[in-house]
Structure formats: structure tokens, C-alpha cells
Amino acid sequence: MAANDTVANLLSQTRLVGIIRLDDLSQAVALSSALLRGGIKVQEYTLSNPAALQAIVEVRAAVKEFSSGEAVLGVGSIRELGQAEAALAAEVDFMVTPTLNPTVIRYCCDHQTPILSGAFTPTEIATAWDLGSTTVKVFPARALGPAYIKDLLAPMPELQLMPTGGVSLENIPDYLAAGAAAVGVGGSLIDQKAMERGDWDSVSRTAEQYARSCASNT
């Protein structure tokens, strides 16, 4: 498990969380390696696949950057305390929720584990931050757009916001210009057909496009 400041520093440097939400995680090591080569140093496996925690264990054991702190692995879609407890036992580096869950936030804070809490409304977002969320995942951001991030930060500039849902190469510059601390990218990041072909270079090239976009808009 990485130290809190390791996760925070990598988020600050890369401004990008790569979200891995797949039905088949049998190639997790190859996938995480390909994303890492493309510059995705903060990776989140989601519990929409029950094999996510095992995949994290396998990736950390096989890819040295994840055990050395050069990159970090987190688990998302946490909706209840039992899932957070299982994630902590698997030594994840950070946790992510889709919604505001004060119990999970408090648990993560008590165990010095970075938490990226999901939230939607201004009240939920402020509550997640006040409870100790490391960064607040604004989700789903698809229908809200960059202007929503800008409007939130006008009265609450201290917030660290990560819009997630519908984030693409086309709108990353607008989100970051609006003041987002980072973005979460899922479906558009991973080409499953390329994975099926074993074309990991293609996966890395796409990852590099996203990493460069975030880096160039700092």
C-alpha cells in the first residue's frame, strides 16, 4: 500500500485516473503494463467485476512500478463498508466510490487510505470534501460539463475535483481549464478489440494520448 502522499503526488503530477471496468480481467497484468507504458500511473480497477481485488494483487506482484510506488493501484465502485474492508486487506493504494458514502470515507480516513468519493450535487460534493475525501469524484459528469466544475470552484476554490463519466480527449482541456484537479477516464481509454488481438502497443498509444493531454493542460 502506497503512502497517502504518494497517491496525492501522482494525482497532482498526472491529473489522470485510468479506470479499468471490464468483464474479463484475465489479462490484467498485460493491460496494466500497457497503460503504464503509455503514462497512466494511477489505475483503478472496479468492483463491477468481482475479480478486481485479485487482479490488483496479481498486477502489483508482476509489475515492479506498482510495488515501488512509481505507480498506484486503487479499487472503485465501493458501495459498502464490507467492500472497503476487503480492499484494505488486499492492500490497495486508494479507494473510489460512485456515490457519497460517509461510512466508507470515515473508514478510509481512519486507516490512512486515500479516498476519492463520488458526489453529484454541490451539497454532496462539499460534504465529501469536509468528511476527508482526498479528491471528490464528480460523477456522472457527462450531463454537467466543464462549466459545472468552474461554477463549483467559484465559491469553493479549495476543492479538489475529478470529473468522471463522459470524459474524452476532446473535453479534457476544457475540464482542466475549468479547474478540475484531475479527470477519471474509463470506457474511451481501453480498446477492447485491441486487447482481444493482443495489440498492447495500440493500448499504450491510446493511453499516451490521454496522458499527454492531461500533462499539456497543466
Protein backbone atom coordinates (compact mmCIF):
# COMPACT_ATOMS: atom_id res chain seq x y z
CA MET A 1 0.00 0.00 0.00
CA ALA A 2 1.38 3.38 -1.02
CA ALA A 3 1.59 6.27 1.41
CA ASN A 4 -1.09 8.95 1.20
CA ASP A 5 1.30 11.49 -0.23
CA THR A 6 2.39 9.08 -2.98
CA VAL A 7 -1.16 8.88 -4.32
CA ALA A 8 -1.67 12.62 -3.93
CA ASN A 9 1.61 13.41 -5.69
CA LEU A 10 0.89 11.10 -8.63
CA LEU A 11 -2.61 12.55 -8.99
CA SER A 12 -1.15 16.05 -8.93
CA GLN A 13 1.54 15.16 -11.47
CA THR A 14 -0.52 13.19 -13.96
CA ARG A 15 -4.02 14.62 -13.36
CA LEU A 16 -5.45 11.36 -14.64
CA VAL A 17 -7.01 8.19 -13.25
CA GLY A 18 -7.34 5.31 -15.69
CA ILE A 19 -10.48 3.33 -14.87
CA ILE A 20 -10.48 -0.38 -15.72
CA ARG A 21 -14.04 -1.66 -15.87
CA LEU A 22 -14.01 -4.95 -17.79
CA ASP A 23 -15.92 -8.22 -17.69
CA ASP A 24 -12.71 -10.21 -18.20
CA LEU A 25 -9.64 -9.39 -16.10
CA SER A 26 -7.60 -12.44 -17.09
CA GLN A 27 -5.14 -10.14 -18.89
CA ALA A 28 -4.88 -7.59 -16.09
CA VAL A 29 -1.09 -7.73 -15.89
CA ALA A 30 -0.63 -7.13 -19.61
CA LEU A 31 -3.26 -4.40 -19.58
CA SER A 32 -1.88 -2.50 -16.59
CA SER A 33 1.61 -2.79 -18.05
CA ALA A 34 0.42 -1.37 -21.38
CA LEU A 35 -1.40 1.52 -19.69
CA LEU A 36 1.67 2.23 -17.56
CA ARG A 37 3.90 2.35 -20.64
CA GLY A 38 1.52 4.96 -22.00
CA GLY A 39 1.88 7.06 -18.86
CA ILE A 40 -1.18 6.02 -16.83
CA LYS A 41 0.37 5.81 -13.37
CA VAL A 42 -2.86 5.93 -11.36
CA GLN A 43 -5.07 2.96 -12.20
CA GLU A 44 -8.44 1.98 -10.75
CA TYR A 45 -9.96 -1.48 -11.05
CA THR A 46 -13.69 -1.51 -10.36
CA LEU A 47 -15.65 -3.98 -8.27
CA SER A 48 -18.22 -4.26 -11.04
CA ASN A 49 -16.00 -7.28 -11.68
CA PRO A 50 -15.63 -9.40 -8.50
CA ALA A 51 -12.14 -10.38 -9.65
CA ALA A 52 -10.87 -6.81 -9.32
CA LEU A 53 -9.08 -7.25 -5.99
CA GLN A 54 -7.33 -10.41 -7.15
CA ALA A 55 -6.29 -8.61 -10.32
CA ILE A 56 -4.76 -5.83 -8.23
CA VAL A 57 -2.79 -8.35 -6.18
CA GLU A 58 -1.50 -10.02 -9.36
CA VAL A 59 -0.57 -6.75 -11.06
CA ARG A 60 1.32 -5.47 -8.04
CA ALA A 61 3.27 -8.71 -7.80
CA ALA A 62 4.15 -8.74 -11.51
CA VAL A 63 4.81 -5.06 -12.29
CA LYS A 64 7.54 -3.56 -10.13
CA GLU A 65 6.40 0.05 -10.55
CA PHE A 66 3.28 -0.72 -8.52
CA SER A 67 5.22 -2.16 -5.62
CA SER A 68 7.88 0.56 -5.66
CA GLY A 69 5.44 3.48 -5.52
CA GLU A 70 6.18 4.74 -9.03
CA ALA A 71 2.55 3.92 -9.87
CA VAL A 72 -0.51 3.10 -7.77
CA LEU A 73 -3.48 0.74 -7.91
CA GLY A 74 -6.90 1.51 -6.49
CA VAL A 75 -10.29 -0.11 -6.41
CA GLY A 76 -13.54 1.56 -7.37
CA SER A 77 -17.29 1.03 -7.25
CA ILE A 78 -17.10 0.61 -3.48
CA ARG A 79 -20.62 0.96 -2.09
CA GLU A 80 -20.44 -0.54 1.38
CA LEU A 81 -18.12 -0.96 4.33
CA GLY A 82 -17.50 -4.67 3.71
CA GLN A 83 -16.08 -3.90 0.29
CA ALA A 84 -13.80 -1.25 1.77
CA GLU A 85 -12.58 -3.73 4.37
CA ALA A 86 -11.82 -6.31 1.67
CA ALA A 87 -9.99 -3.67 -0.34
CA LEU A 88 -7.86 -2.70 2.63
CA ALA A 89 -6.99 -6.37 3.18
CA ALA A 90 -5.85 -6.51 -0.45
CA GLU A 91 -3.57 -3.53 0.28
CA VAL A 92 -5.00 -1.25 -2.39
CA ASP A 93 -3.38 2.18 -2.63
CA PHE A 94 -6.65 4.10 -2.77
CA MET A 95 -10.41 3.60 -2.91
CA VAL A 96 -13.13 5.16 -5.06
CA THR A 97 -16.89 5.29 -4.55
CA PRO A 98 -19.58 6.10 -7.14
CA THR A 99 -21.71 7.95 -4.58
CA LEU A 100 -21.37 9.81 -1.32
CA ASN A 101 -20.89 7.24 1.45
CA PRO A 102 -19.84 8.85 4.74
CA THR A 103 -19.18 5.46 6.37
CA VAL A 104 -16.65 4.50 3.71
CA ILE A 105 -15.00 7.92 3.77
CA ARG A 106 -14.56 7.75 7.54
CA TYR A 107 -13.23 4.20 7.32
CA CYS A 108 -10.61 5.22 4.77
CA CYS A 109 -9.60 8.26 6.78
CA ASP A 110 -9.29 6.14 9.94
CA HIS A 111 -7.00 3.75 8.04
CA GLN A 112 -4.95 6.45 6.29
CA THR A 113 -6.13 5.31 2.86
CA PRO A 114 -6.81 7.93 0.18
CA ILE A 115 -10.48 8.04 -0.80
CA LEU A 116 -11.90 9.54 -3.97
CA SER A 117 -15.54 9.88 -3.03
CA GLY A 118 -18.20 10.14 -5.67
CA ALA A 119 -20.66 13.02 -5.40
CA PHE A 120 -23.00 14.93 -7.69
CA THR A 121 -24.71 17.94 -6.16
CA PRO A 122 -22.89 20.90 -4.59
CA THR A 123 -24.05 19.75 -1.14
CA GLU A 124 -22.81 16.19 -1.69
CA ILE A 125 -19.51 17.44 -3.07
CA ALA A 126 -18.91 19.81 -0.16
CA THR A 127 -19.89 17.09 2.32
CA ALA A 128 -17.49 14.56 0.78
CA TRP A 129 -14.67 17.09 0.97
CA ASP A 130 -15.45 18.11 4.55
CA LEU A 131 -15.52 14.43 5.62
CA GLY A 132 -11.97 13.98 4.31
CA SER A 133 -12.19 12.85 0.71
CA THR A 134 -8.73 13.24 -0.85
CA THR A 135 -10.31 14.28 -4.14
CA VAL A 136 -14.01 14.41 -4.95
CA LYS A 137 -15.10 12.39 -7.96
CA VAL A 138 -17.83 14.42 -9.66
CA PHE A 139 -19.99 11.66 -11.13
CA PRO A 140 -21.60 11.33 -13.54
CA ALA A 141 -20.08 14.42 -15.16
CA ARG A 142 -21.36 13.67 -18.68
CA ALA A 143 -24.52 15.77 -18.34
CA LEU A 144 -22.86 18.51 -16.28
CA GLY A 145 -19.87 19.57 -18.36
CA PRO A 146 -16.85 21.75 -17.57
CA ALA A 147 -18.96 24.80 -16.69
CA TYR A 148 -20.29 22.91 -13.66
CA ILE A 149 -16.73 22.44 -12.35
CA LYS A 150 -16.00 26.13 -12.83
CA ASP A 151 -19.21 27.13 -11.06
CA LEU A 152 -18.47 24.86 -8.10
CA LEU A 153 -14.97 26.21 -7.64
CA ALA A 154 -16.05 29.85 -7.71
CA PRO A 155 -17.35 29.78 -4.10
CA MET A 156 -15.30 26.73 -3.03
CA PRO A 157 -11.84 27.11 -4.64
CA GLU A 158 -10.24 24.73 -2.14
CA LEU A 159 -11.99 21.70 -3.59
CA GLN A 160 -10.03 19.06 -5.49
CA LEU A 161 -12.47 17.81 -8.15
CA MET A 162 -12.19 14.89 -10.55
CA PRO A 163 -14.96 14.80 -13.18
CA THR A 164 -15.66 11.24 -14.28
CA GLY A 165 -18.11 9.87 -16.82
CA GLY A 166 -18.07 11.01 -20.42
CA VAL A 167 -14.52 12.38 -20.22
CA SER A 168 -12.74 12.20 -23.58
CA LEU A 169 -9.71 13.56 -25.41
CA GLU A 170 -11.97 16.25 -26.81
CA ASN A 171 -13.15 17.66 -23.48
CA ILE A 172 -10.17 17.06 -21.18
CA PRO A 173 -8.69 20.51 -21.96
CA ASP A 174 -11.99 22.17 -21.07
CA TYR A 175 -12.32 20.29 -17.78
CA LEU A 176 -8.77 21.12 -16.72
CA ALA A 177 -9.14 24.74 -17.81
CA ALA A 178 -12.29 24.91 -15.68
CA GLY A 179 -10.20 23.97 -12.65
CA ALA A 180 -10.51 20.20 -12.35
CA ALA A 181 -7.63 18.74 -10.35
CA ALA A 182 -7.74 15.54 -12.40
CA VAL A 183 -10.07 13.54 -14.64
CA GLY A 184 -11.22 9.94 -14.48
CA VAL A 185 -11.31 8.14 -17.84
CA GLY A 186 -12.85 4.74 -18.38
CA GLY A 187 -14.64 3.45 -21.48
CA SER A 188 -12.84 5.56 -24.06
CA LEU A 189 -9.40 4.68 -22.68
CA ILE A 190 -9.30 0.94 -23.38
CA ASP A 191 -9.89 -0.53 -26.83
CA GLN A 192 -11.22 -4.00 -26.05
CA LYS A 193 -10.77 -5.15 -29.66
CA ALA A 194 -7.09 -4.26 -29.43
CA MET A 195 -6.91 -6.26 -26.21
CA GLU A 196 -8.51 -9.26 -27.88
CA ARG A 197 -5.90 -9.06 -30.65
CA GLY A 198 -3.13 -8.78 -28.10
CA ASP A 199 -2.19 -5.42 -29.60
CA TRP A 200 -0.79 -3.91 -26.43
CA ASP A 201 1.16 -1.28 -28.37
CA SER A 202 -2.16 0.15 -29.54
CA VAL A 203 -3.45 0.21 -25.97
CA SER A 204 -0.29 2.03 -24.89
CA ARG A 205 -0.60 4.58 -27.70
CA THR A 206 -4.14 5.47 -26.67
CA ALA A 207 -3.06 5.74 -23.04
CA GLU A 208 -0.23 8.03 -24.10
CA GLN A 209 -2.69 10.33 -25.87
CA TYR A 210 -4.66 10.76 -22.67
CA ALA A 211 -1.56 11.17 -20.51
CA ARG A 212 -0.15 13.80 -22.85
CA SER A 213 -3.45 15.67 -22.99
CA CYS A 214 -3.55 15.94 -19.21
CA ALA A 215 0.13 16.86 -18.96
CA SER A 216 -0.11 19.54 -21.65
CA ASN A 217 -3.03 21.23 -19.91
CA THR A 218 -1.44 21.67 -16.50
